[in-house]
Amino acid sequence: LDAALPLIELYKEKLVGIGEVGLDFTPRFASTDEQKEGQ
């Protein structure tokens, strides 16, 4: 996210939304509580 924030700031006037954001608890991507908390 840190890598993305300055660019979002740069382009903010052009945007219609923030996305794609969210949670994905598919076990092969997020099997641990730590990964889920990171998301």
PDB file of all heavy atoms in Angstrom:
ATOM      1  N   LEU A   1       0.837  -1.207   0.000  1.00  0.00           N
ATOM      2  CA  LEU A   1       0.000   0.000   0.000  1.00  0.00           C
ATOM      3  C   LEU A   1       0.868   1.252   0.000  1.00  0.00           C
ATOM      4  O   LEU A   1       0.556   2.226  -0.704  1.00  0.00           O
ATOM      5  CB  LEU A   1      -0.933  -0.009   1.218  1.00  0.00           C
ATOM      6  CG  LEU A   1      -1.885   1.187   1.317  1.00  0.00           C
ATOM      7  CD1 LEU A   1      -2.856   1.221   0.134  1.00  0.00           C
ATOM      8  CD2 LEU A   1      -2.664   1.150   2.621  1.00  0.00           C
ATOM      9  N   ASP A   2       1.961   1.225   0.756  1.00  0.00           N
ATOM     10  CA  ASP A   2       2.844   2.401   0.821  1.00  0.00           C
ATOM     11  C   ASP A   2       3.332   2.813  -0.565  1.00  0.00           C
ATOM     12  O   ASP A   2       3.457   3.999  -0.858  1.00  0.00           O
ATOM     13  CB  ASP A   2       4.061   2.117   1.729  1.00  0.00           C
ATOM     14  CG  ASP A   2       3.650   2.045   3.190  1.00  0.00           C
ATOM     15  OD1 ASP A   2       2.554   2.550   3.518  1.00  0.00           O
ATOM     16  OD2 ASP A   2       4.398   1.467   4.002  1.00  0.00           O
ATOM     17  N   ALA A   3       3.616   1.827  -1.417  1.00  0.00           N
ATOM     18  CA  ALA A   3       4.095   2.124  -2.767  1.00  0.00           C
ATOM     19  C   ALA A   3       3.000   2.806  -3.598  1.00  0.00           C
ATOM     20  O   ALA A   3       3.276   3.572  -4.517  1.00  0.00           O
ATOM     21  CB  ALA A   3       4.529   0.831  -3.450  1.00  0.00           C
ATOM     22  N   ALA A   4       1.744   2.515  -3.256  1.00  0.00           N
ATOM     23  CA  ALA A   4       0.612   2.979  -4.071  1.00  0.00           C
ATOM     24  C   ALA A   4       0.103   4.363  -3.681  1.00  0.00           C
ATOM     25  O   ALA A   4      -0.377   5.118  -4.523  1.00  0.00           O
ATOM     26  CB  ALA A   4      -0.528   1.970  -3.950  1.00  0.00           C
ATOM     27  N   LEU A   5       0.213   4.692  -2.399  1.00  0.00           N
ATOM     28  CA  LEU A   5      -0.432   5.915  -1.903  1.00  0.00           C
ATOM     29  C   LEU A   5       0.005   7.209  -2.612  1.00  0.00           C
ATOM     30  O   LEU A   5      -0.838   8.026  -2.964  1.00  0.00           O
ATOM     31  CB  LEU A   5      -0.266   6.033  -0.386  1.00  0.00           C
ATOM     32  CG  LEU A   5      -1.073   4.990   0.411  1.00  0.00           C
ATOM     33  CD1 LEU A   5      -0.728   5.061   1.889  1.00  0.00           C
ATOM     34  CD2 LEU A   5      -2.578   5.157   0.209  1.00  0.00           C
ATOM     35  N   PRO A   6       1.318   7.421  -2.848  1.00  0.00           N
ATOM     36  CA  PRO A   6       1.715   8.672  -3.521  1.00  0.00           C
ATOM     37  C   PRO A   6       1.100   8.805  -4.921  1.00  0.00           C
ATOM     38  O   PRO A   6       0.758   9.910  -5.339  1.00  0.00           O
ATOM     39  CB  PRO A   6       3.246   8.579  -3.606  1.00  0.00           C
ATOM     40  CG  PRO A   6       3.651   7.504  -2.673  1.00  0.00           C
ATOM     41  CD  PRO A   6       2.485   6.587  -2.485  1.00  0.00           C
ATOM     42  N   LEU A   7       0.949   7.665  -5.621  1.00  0.00           N
ATOM     43  CA  LEU A   7       0.372   7.715  -6.970  1.00  0.00           C
ATOM     44  C   LEU A   7      -1.121   8.010  -6.916  1.00  0.00           C
ATOM     45  O   LEU A   7      -1.654   8.743  -7.758  1.00  0.00           O
ATOM     46  CB  LEU A   7       0.611   6.383  -7.695  1.00  0.00           C
ATOM     47  CG  LEU A   7       2.021   6.182  -8.257  1.00  0.00           C
ATOM     48  CD1 LEU A   7       2.192   4.752  -8.757  1.00  0.00           C
ATOM     49  CD2 LEU A   7       2.324   7.163  -9.375  1.00  0.00           C
ATOM     50  N   ILE A   8      -1.809   7.447  -5.934  1.00  0.00           N
ATOM     51  CA  ILE A   8      -3.241   7.738  -5.789  1.00  0.00           C
ATOM     52  C   ILE A   8      -3.415   9.237  -5.525  1.00  0.00           C
ATOM     53  O   ILE A   8      -4.269   9.896  -6.114  1.00  0.00           O
ATOM     54  CB  ILE A   8      -3.879   6.883  -4.668  1.00  0.00           C
ATOM     55  CG1 ILE A   8      -3.841   5.403  -5.069  1.00  0.00           C
ATOM     56  CG2 ILE A   8      -5.316   7.341  -4.393  1.00  0.00           C
ATOM     57  CD1 ILE A   8      -4.371   4.426  -4.024  1.00  0.00           C
ATOM     58  N   GLU A   9      -2.558   9.761  -4.677  1.00  0.00           N
ATOM     59  CA  GLU A   9      -2.565  11.204  -4.370  1.00  0.00           C
ATOM     60  C   GLU A   9      -2.356  12.013  -5.654  1.00  0.00           C
ATOM     61  O   GLU A   9      -3.055  12.995  -5.913  1.00  0.00           O
ATOM     62  CB  GLU A   9      -1.423  11.453  -3.384  1.00  0.00           C
ATOM     63  CG  GLU A   9      -1.627  12.503  -2.342  1.00  0.00           C
ATOM     64  CD  GLU A   9      -2.963  12.531  -1.634  1.00  0.00           C
ATOM     65  OE1 GLU A   9      -3.349  11.575  -0.941  1.00  0.00           O
ATOM     66  OE2 GLU A   9      -3.638  13.559  -1.770  1.00  0.00           O
ATOM     67  N   LEU A  10      -1.396  11.563  -6.458  1.00  0.00           N
ATOM     68  CA  LEU A  10      -1.049  12.263  -7.702  1.00  0.00           C
ATOM     69  C   LEU A  10      -2.230  12.317  -8.672  1.00  0.00           C
ATOM     70  O   LEU A  10      -2.459  13.329  -9.333  1.00  0.00           O
ATOM     71  CB  LEU A  10       0.138  11.538  -8.351  1.00  0.00           C
ATOM     72  CG  LEU A  10       0.677  12.096  -9.681  1.00  0.00           C
ATOM     73  CD1 LEU A  10       1.325  13.456  -9.474  1.00  0.00           C
ATOM     74  CD2 LEU A  10       1.685  11.116 -10.281  1.00  0.00           C
ATOM     75  N   TYR A  11      -2.980  11.213  -8.758  1.00  0.00           N
ATOM     76  CA  TYR A  11      -4.050  11.111  -9.762  1.00  0.00           C
ATOM     77  C   TYR A  11      -5.444  11.364  -9.193  1.00  0.00           C
ATOM     78  O   TYR A  11      -6.437  11.167  -9.878  1.00  0.00           O
ATOM     79  CB  TYR A  11      -4.035   9.705 -10.392  1.00  0.00           C
ATOM     80  CG  TYR A  11      -2.805   9.399 -11.218  1.00  0.00           C
ATOM     81  CD1 TYR A  11      -2.018   8.275 -10.949  1.00  0.00           C
ATOM     82  CD2 TYR A  11      -2.442  10.209 -12.294  1.00  0.00           C
ATOM     83  CE1 TYR A  11      -0.900   7.968 -11.718  1.00  0.00           C
ATOM     84  CE2 TYR A  11      -1.323   9.917 -13.061  1.00  0.00           C
ATOM     85  CZ  TYR A  11      -0.554   8.795 -12.772  1.00  0.00           C
ATOM     86  OH  TYR A  11       0.542   8.504 -13.545  1.00  0.00           O
ATOM     87  N   LYS A  12      -5.541  11.777  -7.924  1.00  0.00           N
ATOM     88  CA  LYS A  12      -6.838  11.764  -7.227  1.00  0.00           C
ATOM     89  C   LYS A  12      -7.950  12.511  -7.957  1.00  0.00           C
ATOM     90  O   LYS A  12      -9.107  12.101  -7.916  1.00  0.00           O
ATOM     91  CB  LYS A  12      -6.686  12.267  -5.792  1.00  0.00           C
ATOM     92  CG  LYS A  12      -6.221  13.710  -5.692  1.00  0.00           C
ATOM     93  CD  LYS A  12      -5.953  14.093  -4.239  1.00  0.00           C
ATOM     94  CE  LYS A  12      -5.429  15.521  -4.158  1.00  0.00           C
ATOM     95  NZ  LYS A  12      -4.947  15.835  -2.806  1.00  0.00           N
ATOM     96  N   GLU A  13      -7.605  13.611  -8.638  1.00  0.00           N
ATOM     97  CA  GLU A  13      -8.647  14.405  -9.317  1.00  0.00           C
ATOM     98  C   GLU A  13      -9.308  13.628 -10.461  1.00  0.00           C
ATOM     99  O   GLU A  13     -10.424  13.934 -10.851  1.00  0.00           O
ATOM    100  CB  GLU A  13      -8.055  15.708  -9.892  1.00  0.00           C
ATOM    101  CG  GLU A  13      -7.425  16.632  -8.860  1.00  0.00           C
ATOM    102  CD  GLU A  13      -8.385  17.046  -7.752  1.00  0.00           C
ATOM    103  OE1 GLU A  13      -9.599  17.167  -8.022  1.00  0.00           O
ATOM    104  OE2 GLU A  13      -7.929  17.239  -6.599  1.00  0.00           O
ATOM    105  N   LYS A  14      -8.598  12.670 -11.018  1.00  0.00           N
ATOM    106  CA  LYS A  14      -9.108  11.924 -12.180  1.00  0.00           C
ATOM    107  C   LYS A  14      -9.972  10.726 -11.798  1.00  0.00           C
ATOM    108  O   LYS A  14     -10.634  10.134 -12.642  1.00  0.00           O
ATOM    109  CB  LYS A  14      -7.937  11.398 -13.030  1.00  0.00           C
ATOM    110  CG  LYS A  14      -7.040  12.479 -13.600  1.00  0.00           C
ATOM    111  CD  LYS A  14      -5.864  11.844 -14.350  1.00  0.00           C
ATOM    112  CE  LYS A  14      -4.871  12.869 -14.832  1.00  0.00           C
ATOM    113  NZ  LYS A  14      -5.368  13.677 -15.951  1.00  0.00           N
ATOM    114  N   LEU A  15      -9.934  10.333 -10.525  1.00  0.00           N
ATOM    115  CA  LEU A  15     -10.529   9.052 -10.122  1.00  0.00           C
ATOM    116  C   LEU A  15     -12.031   9.132  -9.900  1.00  0.00           C
ATOM    117  O   LEU A  15     -12.552  10.138  -9.432  1.00  0.00           O
ATOM    118  CB  LEU A  15      -9.868   8.551  -8.832  1.00  0.00           C
ATOM    119  CG  LEU A  15      -8.341   8.423  -8.866  1.00  0.00           C
ATOM    120  CD1 LEU A  15      -7.842   7.859  -7.548  1.00  0.00           C
ATOM    121  CD2 LEU A  15      -7.890   7.542 -10.028  1.00  0.00           C
ATOM    122  N   VAL A  16     -12.725   8.012 -10.211  1.00  0.00           N
ATOM    123  CA  VAL A  16     -14.149   7.899  -9.858  1.00  0.00           C
ATOM    124  C   VAL A  16     -14.340   6.996  -8.642  1.00  0.00           C
ATOM    125  O   VAL A  16     -15.428   6.909  -8.088  1.00  0.00           O
ATOM    126  CB  VAL A  16     -15.029   7.391 -11.026  1.00  0.00           C
ATOM    127  CG1 VAL A  16     -15.015   8.388 -12.170  1.00  0.00           C
ATOM    128  CG2 VAL A  16     -14.610   6.006 -11.503  1.00  0.00           C
ATOM    129  N   GLY A  17     -13.267   6.298  -8.220  1.00  0.00           N
ATOM    130  CA  GLY A  17     -13.393   5.413  -7.062  1.00  0.00           C
ATOM    131  C   GLY A  17     -12.036   4.901  -6.623  1.00  0.00           C
ATOM    132  O   GLY A  17     -11.023   5.093  -7.301  1.00  0.00           O
ATOM    133  N   ILE A  18     -12.043   4.244  -5.460  1.00  0.00           N
ATOM    134  CA  ILE A  18     -10.850   3.562  -4.938  1.00  0.00           C
ATOM    135  C   ILE A  18     -11.115   2.064  -5.088  1.00  0.00           C
ATOM    136  O   ILE A  18     -12.088   1.540  -4.553  1.00  0.00           O
ATOM    137  CB  ILE A  18     -10.619   3.931  -3.450  1.00  0.00           C
ATOM    138  CG1 ILE A  18     -10.322   5.435  -3.301  1.00  0.00           C
ATOM    139  CG2 ILE A  18      -9.492   3.087  -2.851  1.00  0.00           C
ATOM    140  CD1 ILE A  18      -9.042   5.913  -3.966  1.00  0.00           C
ATOM    141  N   GLY A  19     -10.271   1.386  -5.864  1.00  0.00           N
ATOM    142  CA  GLY A  19     -10.506  -0.037  -6.065  1.00  0.00           C
ATOM    143  C   GLY A  19      -9.564  -0.637  -7.106  1.00  0.00           C
ATOM    144  O   GLY A  19      -8.968   0.100  -7.892  1.00  0.00           O
ATOM    145  N   GLU A  20      -9.299  -1.819  -7.046  1.00  0.00           N
ATOM    146  CA  GLU A  20     -10.070  -2.842  -6.378  1.00  0.00           C
ATOM    147  C   GLU A  20      -9.443  -3.111  -5.011  1.00  0.00           C
ATOM    148  O   GLU A  20      -8.270  -3.429  -4.935  1.00  0.00           O
ATOM    149  CB  GLU A  20     -10.064  -4.103  -7.254  1.00  0.00           C
ATOM    150  CG  GLU A  20     -10.786  -5.268  -6.678  1.00  0.00           C
ATOM    151  CD  GLU A  20     -10.873  -6.471  -7.657  1.00  0.00           C
ATOM    152  OE1 GLU A  20     -10.466  -6.337  -8.819  1.00  0.00           O
ATOM    153  OE2 GLU A  20     -11.340  -7.527  -7.239  1.00  0.00           O
ATOM    154  N   VAL A  21     -10.251  -2.980  -3.982  1.00  0.00           N
ATOM    155  CA  VAL A  21      -9.784  -3.193  -2.616  1.00  0.00           C
ATOM    156  C   VAL A  21     -10.640  -4.287  -1.980  1.00  0.00           C
ATOM    157  O   VAL A  21     -11.660  -4.681  -2.537  1.00  0.00           O
ATOM    158  CB  VAL A  21      -9.882  -1.894  -1.793  1.00  0.00           C
ATOM    159  CG1 VAL A  21      -9.104  -0.767  -2.465  1.00  0.00           C
ATOM    160  CG2 VAL A  21     -11.343  -1.461  -1.599  1.00  0.00           C
ATOM    161  N   GLY A  22     -10.247  -4.755  -0.788  1.00  0.00           N
ATOM    162  CA  GLY A  22     -11.116  -5.716  -0.114  1.00  0.00           C
ATOM    163  C   GLY A  22     -10.362  -6.758   0.678  1.00  0.00           C
ATOM    164  O   GLY A  22      -9.218  -6.556   1.093  1.00  0.00           O
ATOM    165  N   LEU A  23     -11.040  -7.889   0.867  1.00  0.00           N
ATOM    166  CA  LEU A  23     -10.462  -9.024   1.590  1.00  0.00           C
ATOM    167  C   LEU A  23     -10.587 -10.270   0.726  1.00  0.00           C
ATOM    168  O   LEU A  23     -11.569 -10.409  -0.014  1.00  0.00           O
ATOM    169  CB  LEU A  23     -11.212  -9.267   2.914  1.00  0.00           C
ATOM    170  CG  LEU A  23     -11.246  -8.128   3.930  1.00  0.00           C
ATOM    171  CD1 LEU A  23     -12.111  -8.523   5.138  1.00  0.00           C
ATOM    172  CD2 LEU A  23      -9.846  -7.724   4.384  1.00  0.00           C
ATOM    173  N   ASP A  24      -9.596 -11.143   0.813  1.00  0.00           N
ATOM    174  CA  ASP A  24      -9.640 -12.419   0.099  1.00  0.00           C
ATOM    175  C   ASP A  24      -9.082 -13.484   1.024  1.00  0.00           C
ATOM    176  O   ASP A  24      -7.877 -13.571   1.221  1.00  0.00           O
ATOM    177  CB  ASP A  24      -8.825 -12.348  -1.197  1.00  0.00           C
ATOM    178  CG  ASP A  24      -9.053 -13.560  -2.087  1.00  0.00           C
ATOM    179  OD1 ASP A  24      -9.104 -14.693  -1.551  1.00  0.00           O
ATOM    180  OD2 ASP A  24      -9.192 -13.382  -3.315  1.00  0.00           O
ATOM    181  N   PHE A  25      -9.994 -14.265   1.616  1.00  0.00           N
ATOM    182  CA  PHE A  25      -9.571 -15.275   2.583  1.00  0.00           C
ATOM    183  C   PHE A  25      -9.500 -16.676   1.961  1.00  0.00           C
ATOM    184  O   PHE A  25      -9.604 -17.688   2.657  1.00  0.00           O
ATOM    185  CB  PHE A  25     -10.494 -15.263   3.813  1.00  0.00           C
ATOM    186  CG  PHE A  25     -10.354 -14.014   4.666  1.00  0.00           C
ATOM    187  CD1 PHE A  25     -11.251 -13.754   5.697  1.00  0.00           C
ATOM    188  CD2 PHE A  25      -9.327 -13.100   4.441  1.00  0.00           C
ATOM    189  CE1 PHE A  25     -11.123 -12.617   6.493  1.00  0.00           C
ATOM    190  CE2 PHE A  25      -9.193 -11.949   5.231  1.00  0.00           C
ATOM    191  CZ  PHE A  25     -10.095 -11.712   6.254  1.00  0.00           C
ATOM    192  N   THR A  26      -9.323 -16.741   0.630  1.00  0.00           N
ATOM    193  CA  THR A  26      -9.064 -18.027  -0.017  1.00  0.00           C
ATOM    194  C   THR A  26      -7.838 -18.637   0.662  1.00  0.00           C
ATOM    195  O   THR A  26      -6.795 -17.980   0.756  1.00  0.00           O
ATOM    196  CB  THR A  26      -8.762 -17.814  -1.527  1.00  0.00           C
ATOM    197  OG1 THR A  26      -9.762 -16.977  -2.078  1.00  0.00           O
ATOM    198  CG2 THR A  26      -8.719 -19.126  -2.278  1.00  0.00           C
ATOM    199  N   PRO A  27      -7.949 -19.902   1.139  1.00  0.00           N
ATOM    200  CA  PRO A  27      -6.847 -20.469   1.944  1.00  0.00           C
ATOM    201  C   PRO A  27      -5.466 -20.398   1.295  1.00  0.00           C
ATOM    202  O   PRO A  27      -4.476 -20.187   1.985  1.00  0.00           O
ATOM    203  CB  PRO A  27      -7.286 -21.924   2.164  1.00  0.00           C
ATOM    204  CG  PRO A  27      -8.785 -21.868   2.089  1.00  0.00           C
ATOM    205  CD  PRO A  27      -9.117 -20.794   1.090  1.00  0.00           C
ATOM    206  N   ARG A  28      -5.376 -20.517  -0.025  1.00  0.00           N
ATOM    207  CA  ARG A  28      -4.026 -20.519  -0.595  1.00  0.00           C
ATOM    208  C   ARG A  28      -3.369 -19.127  -0.543  1.00  0.00           C
ATOM    209  O   ARG A  28      -2.163 -18.995  -0.711  1.00  0.00           O
ATOM    210  CB  ARG A  28      -4.003 -21.098  -2.012  1.00  0.00           C
ATOM    211  CG  ARG A  28      -4.634 -20.253  -3.089  1.00  0.00           C
ATOM    212  CD  ARG A  28      -4.431 -20.952  -4.451  1.00  0.00           C
ATOM    213  NE  ARG A  28      -4.804 -20.091  -5.563  1.00  0.00           N
ATOM    214  CZ  ARG A  28      -6.026 -19.976  -6.033  1.00  0.00           C
ATOM    215  NH1 ARG A  28      -7.021 -20.650  -5.489  1.00  0.00           N
ATOM    216  NH2 ARG A  28      -6.282 -19.182  -7.066  1.00  0.00           N
ATOM    217  N   PHE A  29      -4.175 -18.084  -0.322  1.00  0.00           N
ATOM    218  CA  PHE A  29      -3.608 -16.733  -0.213  1.00  0.00           C
ATOM    219  C   PHE A  29      -3.503 -16.277   1.238  1.00  0.00           C
ATOM    220  O   PHE A  29      -2.568 -15.590   1.614  1.00  0.00           O
ATOM    221  CB  PHE A  29      -4.458 -15.711  -0.977  1.00  0.00           C
ATOM    222  CG  PHE A  29      -4.609 -16.032  -2.435  1.00  0.00           C
ATOM    223  CD1 PHE A  29      -5.869 -16.043  -3.032  1.00  0.00           C
ATOM    224  CD2 PHE A  29      -3.498 -16.329  -3.212  1.00  0.00           C
ATOM    225  CE1 PHE A  29      -6.008 -16.343  -4.381  1.00  0.00           C
ATOM    226  CE2 PHE A  29      -3.631 -16.629  -4.563  1.00  0.00           C
ATOM    227  CZ  PHE A  29      -4.893 -16.642  -5.147  1.00  0.00           C
ATOM    228  N   ALA A  30      -4.513 -16.601   2.023  1.00  0.00           N
ATOM    229  CA  ALA A  30      -4.535 -16.111   3.404  1.00  0.00           C
ATOM    230  C   ALA A  30      -4.934 -17.249   4.325  1.00  0.00           C
ATOM    231  O   ALA A  30      -6.107 -17.440   4.613  1.00  0.00           O
ATOM    232  CB  ALA A  30      -5.518 -14.959   3.521  1.00  0.00           C
ATOM    233  N   SER A  31      -3.935 -17.998   4.778  1.00  0.00           N
ATOM    234  CA  SER A  31      -4.241 -19.136   5.647  1.00  0.00           C
ATOM    235  C   SER A  31      -4.004 -18.775   7.107  1.00  0.00           C
ATOM    236  O   SER A  31      -4.545 -19.395   8.005  1.00  0.00           O
ATOM    237  CB  SER A  31      -3.392 -20.341   5.253  1.00  0.00           C
ATOM    238  OG  SER A  31      -2.037 -19.953   5.202  1.00  0.00           O
ATOM    239  N   THR A  32      -3.201 -17.729   7.350  1.00  0.00           N
ATOM    240  CA  THR A  32      -2.871 -17.400   8.749  1.00  0.00           C
ATOM    241  C   THR A  32      -3.627 -16.155   9.210  1.00  0.00           C
ATOM    242  O   THR A  32      -4.019 -15.311   8.397  1.00  0.00           O
ATOM    243  CB  THR A  32      -1.360 -17.122   8.904  1.00  0.00           C
ATOM    244  OG1 THR A  32      -1.056 -15.888   8.217  1.00  0.00           O
ATOM    245  CG2 THR A  32      -0.518 -18.247   8.311  1.00  0.00           C
ATOM    246  N   ASP A  33      -3.786 -16.039  10.517  1.00  0.00           N
ATOM    247  CA  ASP A  33      -4.428 -14.853  11.097  1.00  0.00           C
ATOM    248  C   ASP A  33      -3.627 -13.600  10.760  1.00  0.00           C
ATOM    249  O   ASP A  33      -4.182 -12.523  10.564  1.00  0.00           O
ATOM    250  CB  ASP A  33      -4.537 -14.990  12.624  1.00  0.00           C
ATOM    251  CG  ASP A  33      -5.593 -16.026  13.001  1.00  0.00           C
ATOM    252  OD1 ASP A  33      -6.414 -16.386  12.120  1.00  0.00           O
ATOM    253  OD2 ASP A  33      -5.589 -16.489  14.160  1.00  0.00           O
ATOM    254  N   GLU A  34      -2.326 -13.766  10.694  1.00  0.00           N
ATOM    255  CA  GLU A  34      -1.440 -12.632  10.396  1.00  0.00           C
ATOM    256  C   GLU A  34      -1.727 -12.089   8.984  1.00  0.00           C
ATOM    257  O   GLU A  34      -1.803 -10.872   8.776  1.00  0.00           O
ATOM    258  CB  GLU A  34       0.014 -13.115  10.497  1.00  0.00           C
ATOM    259  CG  GLU A  34       1.027 -11.993  10.542  1.00  0.00           C
ATOM    260  CD  GLU A  34       2.472 -12.535  10.538  1.00  0.00           C
ATOM    261  OE1 GLU A  34       2.649 -13.776  10.487  1.00  0.00           O
ATOM    262  OE2 GLU A  34       3.380 -11.711  10.590  1.00  0.00           O
ATOM    263  N   GLN A  35      -1.886 -13.013   8.026  1.00  0.00           N
ATOM    264  CA  GLN A  35      -2.183 -12.576   6.652  1.00  0.00           C
ATOM    265  C   GLN A  35      -3.545 -11.880   6.586  1.00  0.00           C
ATOM    266  O   GLN A  35      -3.695 -10.841   5.943  1.00  0.00           O
ATOM    267  CB  GLN A  35      -2.157 -13.782   5.704  1.00  0.00           C
ATOM    268  CG  GLN A  35      -0.736 -14.267   5.420  1.00  0.00           C
ATOM    269  CD  GLN A  35      -0.733 -15.627   4.717  1.00  0.00           C
ATOM    270  OE1 GLN A  35      -1.526 -16.521   5.033  1.00  0.00           O
ATOM    271  NE2 GLN A  35       0.162 -15.791   3.758  1.00  0.00           N
ATOM    272  N   LYS A  36      -4.517 -12.451   7.279  1.00  0.00           N
ATOM    273  CA  LYS A  36      -5.859 -11.852   7.277  1.00  0.00           C
ATOM    274  C   LYS A  36      -5.847 -10.475   7.922  1.00  0.00           C
ATOM    275  O   LYS A  36      -6.480  -9.542   7.435  1.00  0.00           O
ATOM    276  CB  LYS A  36      -6.856 -12.773   7.994  1.00  0.00           C
ATOM    277  CG  LYS A  36      -7.148 -14.046   7.218  1.00  0.00           C
ATOM    278  CD  LYS A  36      -8.052 -14.993   8.000  1.00  0.00           C
ATOM    279  CE  LYS A  36      -8.275 -16.280   7.200  1.00  0.00           C
ATOM    280  NZ  LYS A  36      -9.017 -17.288   7.964  1.00  0.00           N
ATOM    281  N   GLU A  37      -5.103 -10.350   8.999  1.00  0.00           N
ATOM    282  CA  GLU A  37      -5.000  -9.059   9.693  1.00  0.00           C
ATOM    283  C   GLU A  37      -4.300  -8.028   8.805  1.00  0.00           C
ATOM    284  O   GLU A  37      -4.691  -6.860   8.751  1.00  0.00           O
ATOM    285  CB  GLU A  37      -4.263  -9.226  11.028  1.00  0.00           C
ATOM    286  CG  GLU A  37      -4.261  -7.986  11.906  1.00  0.00           C
ATOM    287  CD  GLU A  37      -5.638  -7.354  12.121  1.00  0.00           C
ATOM    288  OE1 GLU A  37      -6.661  -8.084  12.228  1.00  0.00           O
ATOM    289  OE2 GLU A  37      -5.705  -6.109  12.161  1.00  0.00           O
ATOM    290  N   GLY A  38      -3.266  -8.479   8.080  1.00  0.00           N
ATOM    291  CA  GLY A  38      -2.579  -7.593   7.125  1.00  0.00           C
ATOM    292  C   GLY A  38      -3.555  -7.052   6.091  1.00  0.00           C
ATOM    293  O   GLY A  38      -3.572  -5.844   5.783  1.00  0.00           O
ATOM    294  N   GLN A  39      -4.401  -7.936   5.560  1.00  0.00           N
ATOM    295  CA  GLN A  39      -5.412  -7.512   4.579  1.00  0.00           C
ATOM    296  C   GLN A  39      -6.389  -6.509   5.197  1.00  0.00           C
ATOM    297  O   GLN A  39      -6.767  -5.521   4.562  1.00  0.00           O
ATOM    298  CB  GLN A  39      -6.204  -8.717   4.063  1.00  0.00           C
ATOM    299  CG  GLN A  39      -5.420  -9.632   3.139  1.00  0.00           C
ATOM    300  CD  GLN A  39      -6.309 -10.670   2.471  1.00  0.00           C
ATOM    301  OE1 GLN A  39      -7.533 -10.532   2.443  1.00  0.00           O
ATOM    302  NE2 GLN A  39      -5.693 -11.717   1.936  1.00  0.00           N
TER     303      GLN A  39
END
